[in-house]
PDB file of N, CA and C in Angstrom:
ATOM      1  N   MET A   1     -17.062  49.934  -4.429  1.00  0.00           N
ATOM      2  CA  MET A   1     -17.638  48.835  -3.670  1.00  0.00           C
ATOM      3  C   MET A   1     -17.554  47.562  -4.492  1.00  0.00           C
ATOM      4  N   SER A   2     -17.331  46.466  -3.845  1.00  0.00           N
ATOM      5  CA  SER A   2     -17.202  45.182  -4.523  1.00  0.00           C
ATOM      6  C   SER A   2     -18.535  44.453  -4.631  1.00  0.00           C
ATOM      7  N   ALA A   3     -19.604  45.195  -4.759  1.00  0.00           N
ATOM      8  CA  ALA A   3     -20.926  44.563  -4.816  1.00  0.00           C
ATOM      9  C   ALA A   3     -21.045  43.592  -5.980  1.00  0.00           C
ATOM     10  N   HIS A   4     -20.324  43.856  -7.081  1.00  0.00           N
ATOM     11  CA  HIS A   4     -20.412  42.965  -8.247  1.00  0.00           C
ATOM     12  C   HIS A   4     -19.800  41.598  -7.953  1.00  0.00           C
ATOM     13  N   THR A   5     -19.088  41.463  -6.829  1.00  0.00           N
ATOM     14  CA  THR A   5     -18.482  40.178  -6.501  1.00  0.00           C
ATOM     15  C   THR A   5     -19.349  39.351  -5.571  1.00  0.00           C
ATOM     16  N   ARG A   6     -20.443  39.881  -5.124  1.00  0.00           N
ATOM     17  CA  ARG A   6     -21.322  39.197  -4.168  1.00  0.00           C
ATOM     18  C   ARG A   6     -22.561  38.685  -4.876  1.00  0.00           C
ATOM     19  N   TYR A   7     -23.175  37.707  -4.263  1.00  0.00           N
ATOM     20  CA  TYR A   7     -24.413  37.160  -4.786  1.00  0.00           C
ATOM     21  C   TYR A   7     -25.604  37.903  -4.205  1.00  0.00           C
ATOM     22  N   GLN A   8     -26.696  37.981  -4.984  1.00  0.00           N
ATOM     23  CA  GLN A   8     -27.915  38.598  -4.480  1.00  0.00           C
ATOM     24  C   GLN A   8     -28.321  37.879  -3.205  1.00  0.00           C
ATOM     25  N   GLY A   9     -28.663  38.654  -2.188  1.00  0.00           N
ATOM     26  CA  GLY A   9     -29.012  38.094  -0.895  1.00  0.00           C
ATOM     27  C   GLY A   9     -27.799  37.931   0.007  1.00  0.00           C
ATOM     28  N   GLY A  10     -26.606  38.237  -0.521  1.00  0.00           N
ATOM     29  CA  GLY A  10     -25.375  38.089   0.244  1.00  0.00           C
ATOM     30  C   GLY A  10     -25.095  39.289   1.132  1.00  0.00           C
ATOM     31  N   ILE A  11     -23.994  39.194   1.838  1.00  0.00           N
ATOM     32  CA  ILE A  11     -23.562  40.255   2.740  1.00  0.00           C
ATOM     33  C   ILE A  11     -22.150  40.676   2.347  1.00  0.00           C
ATOM     34  N   LEU A  12     -21.937  41.973   2.186  1.00  0.00           N
ATOM     35  CA  LEU A  12     -20.619  42.531   1.901  1.00  0.00           C
ATOM     36  C   LEU A  12     -20.160  43.268   3.153  1.00  0.00           C
ATOM     37  N   VAL A  13     -19.037  42.847   3.721  1.00  0.00           N
ATOM     38  CA  VAL A  13     -18.444  43.535   4.867  1.00  0.00           C
ATOM     39  C   VAL A  13     -17.071  44.004   4.422  1.00  0.00           C
ATOM     40  N   SER A  14     -16.810  45.292   4.587  1.00  0.00           N
ATOM     41  CA  SER A  14     -15.556  45.848   4.094  1.00  0.00           C
ATOM     42  C   SER A  14     -14.917  46.765   5.118  1.00  0.00           C
ATOM     43  N   ARG A  15     -13.606  46.691   5.222  1.00  0.00           N
ATOM     44  CA  ARG A  15     -12.862  47.627   6.052  1.00  0.00           C
ATOM     45  C   ARG A  15     -12.560  48.892   5.279  1.00  0.00           C
ATOM     46  N   LEU A  16     -12.827  48.907   3.999  1.00  0.00           N
ATOM     47  CA  LEU A  16     -12.522  50.053   3.148  1.00  0.00           C
ATOM     48  C   LEU A  16     -13.720  50.955   2.921  1.00  0.00           C
ATOM     49  N   GLY A  17     -14.826  50.668   3.564  1.00  0.00           N
ATOM     50  CA  GLY A  17     -16.049  51.416   3.327  1.00  0.00           C
ATOM     51  C   GLY A  17     -16.930  50.675   2.340  1.00  0.00           C
ATOM     52  N   ILE A  18     -18.184  51.013   2.326  1.00  0.00           N
ATOM     53  CA  ILE A  18     -19.124  50.264   1.483  1.00  0.00           C
ATOM     54  C   ILE A  18     -19.560  51.044   0.256  1.00  0.00           C
ATOM     55  N   GLY A  19     -19.015  52.230   0.063  1.00  0.00           N
ATOM     56  CA  GLY A  19     -19.385  52.994  -1.122  1.00  0.00           C
ATOM     57  C   GLY A  19     -20.808  53.486  -1.032  1.00  0.00           C
ATOM     58  N   ASP A  20     -21.592  53.197  -2.023  1.00  0.00           N
ATOM     59  CA  ASP A  20     -22.965  53.673  -2.123  1.00  0.00           C
ATOM     60  C   ASP A  20     -23.929  52.616  -1.586  1.00  0.00           C
ATOM     61  N   PRO A  21     -24.494  52.817  -0.375  1.00  0.00           N
ATOM     62  CA  PRO A  21     -25.410  51.829   0.194  1.00  0.00           C
ATOM     63  C   PRO A  21     -26.626  51.563  -0.697  1.00  0.00           C
ATOM     64  N   ALA A  22     -27.078  52.577  -1.424  1.00  0.00           N
ATOM     65  CA  ALA A  22     -28.231  52.386  -2.310  1.00  0.00           C
ATOM     66  C   ALA A  22     -27.898  51.414  -3.441  1.00  0.00           C
ATOM     67  N   ARG A  23     -26.666  51.472  -3.936  1.00  0.00           N
ATOM     68  CA  ARG A  23     -26.235  50.542  -5.000  1.00  0.00           C
ATOM     69  C   ARG A  23     -26.247  49.107  -4.481  1.00  0.00           C
ATOM     70  N   ALA A  24     -25.753  48.920  -3.276  1.00  0.00           N
ATOM     71  CA  ALA A  24     -25.761  47.583  -2.689  1.00  0.00           C
ATOM     72  C   ALA A  24     -27.196  47.090  -2.515  1.00  0.00           C
ATOM     73  N   ALA A  25     -28.051  47.946  -1.981  1.00  0.00           N
ATOM     74  CA  ALA A  25     -29.451  47.559  -1.765  1.00  0.00           C
ATOM     75  C   ALA A  25     -30.140  47.215  -3.088  1.00  0.00           C
ATOM     76  N   ALA A  26     -29.847  47.990  -4.124  1.00  0.00           N
ATOM     77  CA  ALA A  26     -30.446  47.719  -5.435  1.00  0.00           C
ATOM     78  C   ALA A  26     -29.996  46.376  -5.988  1.00  0.00           C
ATOM     79  N   ALA A  27     -28.796  45.948  -5.603  1.00  0.00           N
ATOM     80  CA  ALA A  27     -28.273  44.659  -6.056  1.00  0.00           C
ATOM     81  C   ALA A  27     -28.732  43.511  -5.152  1.00  0.00           C
ATOM     82  N   GLY A  28     -29.532  43.833  -4.134  1.00  0.00           N
ATOM     83  CA  GLY A  28     -30.020  42.791  -3.229  1.00  0.00           C
ATOM     84  C   GLY A  28     -28.960  42.332  -2.247  1.00  0.00           C
ATOM     85  N   ILE A  29     -28.034  43.243  -1.908  1.00  0.00           N
ATOM     86  CA  ILE A  29     -26.907  42.901  -1.034  1.00  0.00           C
ATOM     87  C   ILE A  29     -26.962  43.760   0.214  1.00  0.00           C
ATOM     88  N   ARG A  30     -26.769  43.149   1.368  1.00  0.00           N
ATOM     89  CA  ARG A  30     -26.643  43.889   2.615  1.00  0.00           C
ATOM     90  C   ARG A  30     -25.177  44.264   2.772  1.00  0.00           C
ATOM     91  N   ALA A  31     -24.881  45.553   2.930  1.00  0.00           N
ATOM     92  CA  ALA A  31     -23.503  46.016   3.021  1.00  0.00           C
ATOM     93  C   ALA A  31     -23.245  46.665   4.373  1.00  0.00           C
ATOM     94  N   SER A  32     -22.058  46.413   4.895  1.00  0.00           N
ATOM     95  CA  SER A  32     -21.684  46.965   6.187  1.00  0.00           C
ATOM     96  C   SER A  32     -20.193  47.241   6.215  1.00  0.00           C
ATOM     97  N   GLY A  33     -19.812  48.360   6.782  1.00  0.00           N
ATOM     98  CA  GLY A  33     -18.399  48.677   6.963  1.00  0.00           C
ATOM     99  C   GLY A  33     -17.989  48.318   8.380  1.00  0.00           C
ATOM    100  N   THR A  34     -16.722  48.077   8.568  1.00  0.00           N
ATOM    101  CA  THR A  34     -16.212  47.746   9.892  1.00  0.00           C
ATOM    102  C   THR A  34     -14.778  48.249  10.019  1.00  0.00           C
ATOM    103  N   ALA A  35     -14.358  48.433  11.236  1.00  0.00           N
ATOM    104  CA  ALA A  35     -12.978  48.842  11.499  1.00  0.00           C
ATOM    105  C   ALA A  35     -12.552  48.174  12.803  1.00  0.00           C
ATOM    106  N   CYS A  36     -11.260  48.030  12.980  1.00  0.00           N
ATOM    107  CA  CYS A  36     -10.784  47.426  14.214  1.00  0.00           C
ATOM    108  C   CYS A  36      -9.406  47.960  14.562  1.00  0.00           C
ATOM    109  N   VAL A  37      -9.084  47.854  15.823  1.00  0.00           N
ATOM    110  CA  VAL A  37      -7.755  48.195  16.311  1.00  0.00           C
ATOM    111  C   VAL A  37      -6.939  46.906  16.250  1.00  0.00           C
ATOM    112  N   PRO A  38      -5.709  46.965  15.733  1.00  0.00           N
ATOM    113  CA  PRO A  38      -4.897  45.740  15.659  1.00  0.00           C
ATOM    114  C   PRO A  38      -4.846  45.021  17.006  1.00  0.00           C
ATOM    115  N   ASP A  39      -5.124  43.741  16.969  1.00  0.00           N
ATOM    116  CA  ASP A  39      -5.201  42.941  18.191  1.00  0.00           C
ATOM    117  C   ASP A  39      -4.819  41.511  17.819  1.00  0.00           C
ATOM    118  N   GLY A  40      -3.710  41.014  18.370  1.00  0.00           N
ATOM    119  CA  GLY A  40      -3.246  39.665  18.043  1.00  0.00           C
ATOM    120  C   GLY A  40      -4.271  38.597  18.329  1.00  0.00           C
ATOM    121  N   GLY A  41      -4.976  38.739  19.443  1.00  0.00           N
ATOM    122  CA  GLY A  41      -6.005  37.749  19.793  1.00  0.00           C
ATOM    123  C   GLY A  41      -7.128  37.733  18.780  1.00  0.00           C
ATOM    124  N   GLN A  42      -7.529  38.918  18.337  1.00  0.00           N
ATOM    125  CA  GLN A  42      -8.583  39.009  17.334  1.00  0.00           C
ATOM    126  C   GLN A  42      -8.114  38.373  16.028  1.00  0.00           C
ATOM    127  N   SER A  43      -6.876  38.631  15.653  1.00  0.00           N
ATOM    128  CA  SER A  43      -6.339  38.037  14.424  1.00  0.00           C
ATOM    129  C   SER A  43      -6.334  36.514  14.517  1.00  0.00           C
ATOM    130  N   GLN A  44      -6.009  35.970  15.675  1.00  0.00           N
ATOM    131  CA  GLN A  44      -6.025  34.515  15.860  1.00  0.00           C
ATOM    132  C   GLN A  44      -7.438  33.963  15.733  1.00  0.00           C
ATOM    133  N   ARG A  45      -8.436  34.687  16.259  1.00  0.00           N
ATOM    134  CA  ARG A  45      -9.830  34.234  16.141  1.00  0.00           C
ATOM    135  C   ARG A  45     -10.289  34.255  14.684  1.00  0.00           C
ATOM    136  N   VAL A  46      -9.901  35.302  13.965  1.00  0.00           N
ATOM    137  CA  VAL A  46     -10.255  35.375  12.540  1.00  0.00           C
ATOM    138  C   VAL A  46      -9.567  34.246  11.777  1.00  0.00           C
ATOM    139  N   ALA A  47      -8.299  34.004  12.072  1.00  0.00           N
ATOM    140  CA  ALA A  47      -7.565  32.914  11.409  1.00  0.00           C
ATOM    141  C   ALA A  47      -8.253  31.575  11.665  1.00  0.00           C
ATOM    142  N   ALA A  48      -8.731  31.365  12.888  1.00  0.00           N
ATOM    143  CA  ALA A  48      -9.430  30.112  13.204  1.00  0.00           C
ATOM    144  C   ALA A  48     -10.716  29.991  12.392  1.00  0.00           C
ATOM    145  N   LEU A  49     -11.428  31.102  12.197  1.00  0.00           N
ATOM    146  CA  LEU A  49     -12.653  31.068  11.382  1.00  0.00           C
ATOM    147  C   LEU A  49     -12.332  30.738   9.926  1.00  0.00           C
ATOM    148  N   VAL A  50     -11.229  31.282   9.417  1.00  0.00           N
ATOM    149  CA  VAL A  50     -10.812  30.976   8.046  1.00  0.00           C
ATOM    150  C   VAL A  50     -10.436  29.497   7.931  1.00  0.00           C
ATOM    151  N   GLU A  51      -9.634  29.021   8.872  1.00  0.00           N
ATOM    152  CA  GLU A  51      -9.193  27.622   8.835  1.00  0.00           C
ATOM    153  C   GLU A  51     -10.366  26.648   8.942  1.00  0.00           C
ATOM    154  N   SER A  52     -11.409  27.027   9.690  1.00  0.00           N
ATOM    155  CA  SER A  52     -12.564  26.137   9.859  1.00  0.00           C
ATOM    156  C   SER A  52     -13.532  26.208   8.680  1.00  0.00           C
ATOM    157  N   GLY A  53     -13.296  27.164   7.769  1.00  0.00           N
ATOM    158  CA  GLY A  53     -14.177  27.294   6.613  1.00  0.00           C
ATOM    159  C   GLY A  53     -15.377  28.191   6.850  1.00  0.00           C
ATOM    160  N   GLN A  54     -15.477  28.807   8.032  1.00  0.00           N
ATOM    161  CA  GLN A  54     -16.601  29.696   8.321  1.00  0.00           C
ATOM    162  C   GLN A  54     -16.457  31.035   7.606  1.00  0.00           C
ATOM    163  N   ILE A  55     -15.230  31.422   7.289  1.00  0.00           N
ATOM    164  CA  ILE A  55     -14.956  32.588   6.457  1.00  0.00           C
ATOM    165  C   ILE A  55     -14.230  32.071   5.222  1.00  0.00           C
ATOM    166  N   THR A  56     -14.728  32.438   4.059  1.00  0.00           N
ATOM    167  CA  THR A  56     -14.101  31.993   2.818  1.00  0.00           C
ATOM    168  C   THR A  56     -13.772  33.188   1.936  1.00  0.00           C
ATOM    169  N   THR A  57     -12.866  32.986   1.027  1.00  0.00           N
ATOM    170  CA  THR A  57     -12.514  34.007   0.052  1.00  0.00           C
ATOM    171  C   THR A  57     -12.589  33.410  -1.339  1.00  0.00           C
ATOM    172  N   CYS A  58     -12.656  34.263  -2.294  1.00  0.00           N
ATOM    173  CA  CYS A  58     -12.675  33.837  -3.686  1.00  0.00           C
ATOM    174  C   CYS A  58     -11.458  34.443  -4.373  1.00  0.00           C
ATOM    175  N   VAL A  59     -10.544  33.623  -4.835  1.00  0.00           N
ATOM    176  CA  VAL A  59      -9.355  34.085  -5.542  1.00  0.00           C
ATOM    177  C   VAL A  59      -9.460  33.604  -6.976  1.00  0.00           C
ATOM    178  N   ALA A  60      -9.616  34.548  -7.886  1.00  0.00           N
ATOM    179  CA  ALA A  60      -9.778  34.182  -9.288  1.00  0.00           C
ATOM    180  C   ALA A  60      -8.461  33.740  -9.909  1.00  0.00           C
ATOM    181  N   GLU A  61      -7.359  34.388  -9.514  1.00  0.00           N
ATOM    182  CA  GLU A  61      -6.070  34.098 -10.126  1.00  0.00           C
ATOM    183  C   GLU A  61      -4.977  34.695  -9.245  1.00  0.00           C
ATOM    184  N   THR A  62      -3.836  34.062  -9.194  1.00  0.00           N
ATOM    185  CA  THR A  62      -2.661  34.602  -8.520  1.00  0.00           C
ATOM    186  C   THR A  62      -1.650  34.953  -9.591  1.00  0.00           C
ATOM    187  N   VAL A  63      -1.150  36.194  -9.551  1.00  0.00           N
ATOM    188  CA  VAL A  63      -0.221  36.636 -10.593  1.00  0.00           C
ATOM    189  C   VAL A  63       1.075  37.151  -9.971  1.00  0.00           C
ATOM    190  N   PRO A  64       2.169  37.073 -10.709  1.00  0.00           N
ATOM    191  CA  PRO A  64       3.433  37.623 -10.230  1.00  0.00           C
ATOM    192  C   PRO A  64       3.330  39.146 -10.091  1.00  0.00           C
ATOM    193  N   ILE A  65       4.127  39.717  -9.213  1.00  0.00           N
ATOM    194  CA  ILE A  65       4.083  41.147  -8.959  1.00  0.00           C
ATOM    195  C   ILE A  65       4.319  41.976 -10.210  1.00  0.00           C
ATOM    196  N   ASP A  66       5.108  41.473 -11.144  1.00  0.00           N
ATOM    197  CA  ASP A  66       5.365  42.250 -12.357  1.00  0.00           C
ATOM    198  C   ASP A  66       4.147  42.312 -13.283  1.00  0.00           C
ATOM    199  N   GLN A  67       3.088  41.555 -12.947  1.00  0.00           N
ATOM    200  CA  GLN A  67       1.851  41.602 -13.724  1.00  0.00           C
ATOM    201  C   GLN A  67       0.725  42.284 -12.942  1.00  0.00           C
ATOM    202  N   ALA A  68       1.085  43.022 -11.890  1.00  0.00           N
ATOM    203  CA  ALA A  68       0.080  43.674 -11.044  1.00  0.00           C
ATOM    204  C   ALA A  68      -0.802  44.639 -11.836  1.00  0.00           C
ATOM    205  N   ALA A  69      -0.214  45.380 -12.756  1.00  0.00           N
ATOM    206  CA  ALA A  69      -1.003  46.327 -13.545  1.00  0.00           C
ATOM    207  C   ALA A  69      -2.060  45.593 -14.373  1.00  0.00           C
ATOM    208  N   ARG A  70      -1.671  44.476 -14.976  1.00  0.00           N
ATOM    209  CA  ARG A  70      -2.641  43.686 -15.758  1.00  0.00           C
ATOM    210  C   ARG A  70      -3.740  43.147 -14.863  1.00  0.00           C
ATOM    211  N   ALA A  71      -3.361  42.650 -13.693  1.00  0.00           N
ATOM    212  CA  ALA A  71      -4.345  42.111 -12.761  1.00  0.00           C
ATOM    213  C   ALA A  71      -5.337  43.183 -12.338  1.00  0.00           C
ATOM    214  N   ASP A  72      -4.840  44.393 -12.079  1.00  0.00           N
ATOM    215  CA  ASP A  72      -5.729  45.485 -11.694  1.00  0.00           C
ATOM    216  C   ASP A  72      -6.675  45.843 -12.833  1.00  0.00           C
ATOM    217  N   THR A  73      -6.158  45.870 -14.053  1.00  0.00           N
ATOM    218  CA  THR A  73      -6.995  46.166 -15.214  1.00  0.00           C
ATOM    219  C   THR A  73      -8.108  45.132 -15.359  1.00  0.00           C
ATOM    220  N   VAL A  74      -7.768  43.859 -15.228  1.00  0.00           N
ATOM    221  CA  VAL A  74      -8.765  42.788 -15.317  1.00  0.00           C
ATOM    222  C   VAL A  74      -9.792  42.934 -14.189  1.00  0.00           C
ATOM    223  N   ASN A  75      -9.319  43.218 -12.980  1.00  0.00           N
ATOM    224  CA  ASN A  75     -10.227  43.370 -11.850  1.00  0.00           C
ATOM    225  C   ASN A  75     -11.215  44.515 -12.073  1.00  0.00           C
ATOM    226  N   GLN A  76     -10.758  45.602 -12.649  1.00  0.00           N
ATOM    227  CA  GLN A  76     -11.616  46.761 -12.874  1.00  0.00           C
ATOM    228  C   GLN A  76     -12.719  46.498 -13.886  1.00  0.00           C
ATOM    229  N   THR A  77     -12.568  45.491 -14.731  1.00  0.00           N
ATOM    230  CA  THR A  77     -13.606  45.180 -15.714  1.00  0.00           C
ATOM    231  C   THR A  77     -14.837  44.569 -15.077  1.00  0.00           C
ATOM    232  N   GLY A  78     -14.664  44.021 -13.867  1.00  0.00           N
ATOM    233  CA  GLY A  78     -15.796  43.368 -13.210  1.00  0.00           C
ATOM    234  C   GLY A  78     -16.089  41.996 -13.771  1.00  0.00           C
ATOM    235  N   SER A  79     -15.190  41.463 -14.595  1.00  0.00           N
ATOM    236  CA  SER A  79     -15.451  40.183 -15.249  1.00  0.00           C
ATOM    237  C   SER A  79     -15.019  38.987 -14.406  1.00  0.00           C
ATOM    238  N   VAL A  80     -14.338  39.225 -13.299  1.00  0.00           N
ATOM    239  CA  VAL A  80     -13.905  38.124 -12.431  1.00  0.00           C
ATOM    240  C   VAL A  80     -14.478  38.287 -11.032  1.00  0.00           C
ATOM    241  N   LYS A  81     -14.664  37.197 -10.351  1.00  0.00           N
ATOM    242  CA  LYS A  81     -15.082  37.225  -8.950  1.00  0.00           C
ATOM    243  C   LYS A  81     -13.834  37.061  -8.096  1.00  0.00           C
ATOM    244  N   GLY A  82     -13.759  37.815  -7.037  1.00  0.00           N
ATOM    245  CA  GLY A  82     -12.605  37.727  -6.153  1.00  0.00           C
ATOM    246  C   GLY A  82     -11.618  38.834  -6.427  1.00  0.00           C
ATOM    247  N   LYS A  83     -10.543  38.792  -5.704  1.00  0.00           N
ATOM    248  CA  LYS A  83      -9.493  39.810  -5.826  1.00  0.00           C
ATOM    249  C   LYS A  83      -8.177  39.147  -6.078  1.00  0.00           C
TER     250      LYS A  83
END
């Protein structure tokens, strides 16, 4: 679970599952899993939310594909926010 990337009082929504709900609750985070059937209209609505700033992401760093292993190692340390 990416609970270490969220702020206390925040909400974590994941398509990959939320892991241990008790861990999220202990961190002061509301966690929820979700799934969807591919739908072009839904993707357009999500894109509009991203473009309007209503959905945001945190990108700590962009790396070339040949450095993917290093990026994964850094991500696993929990020392960066984002993916």
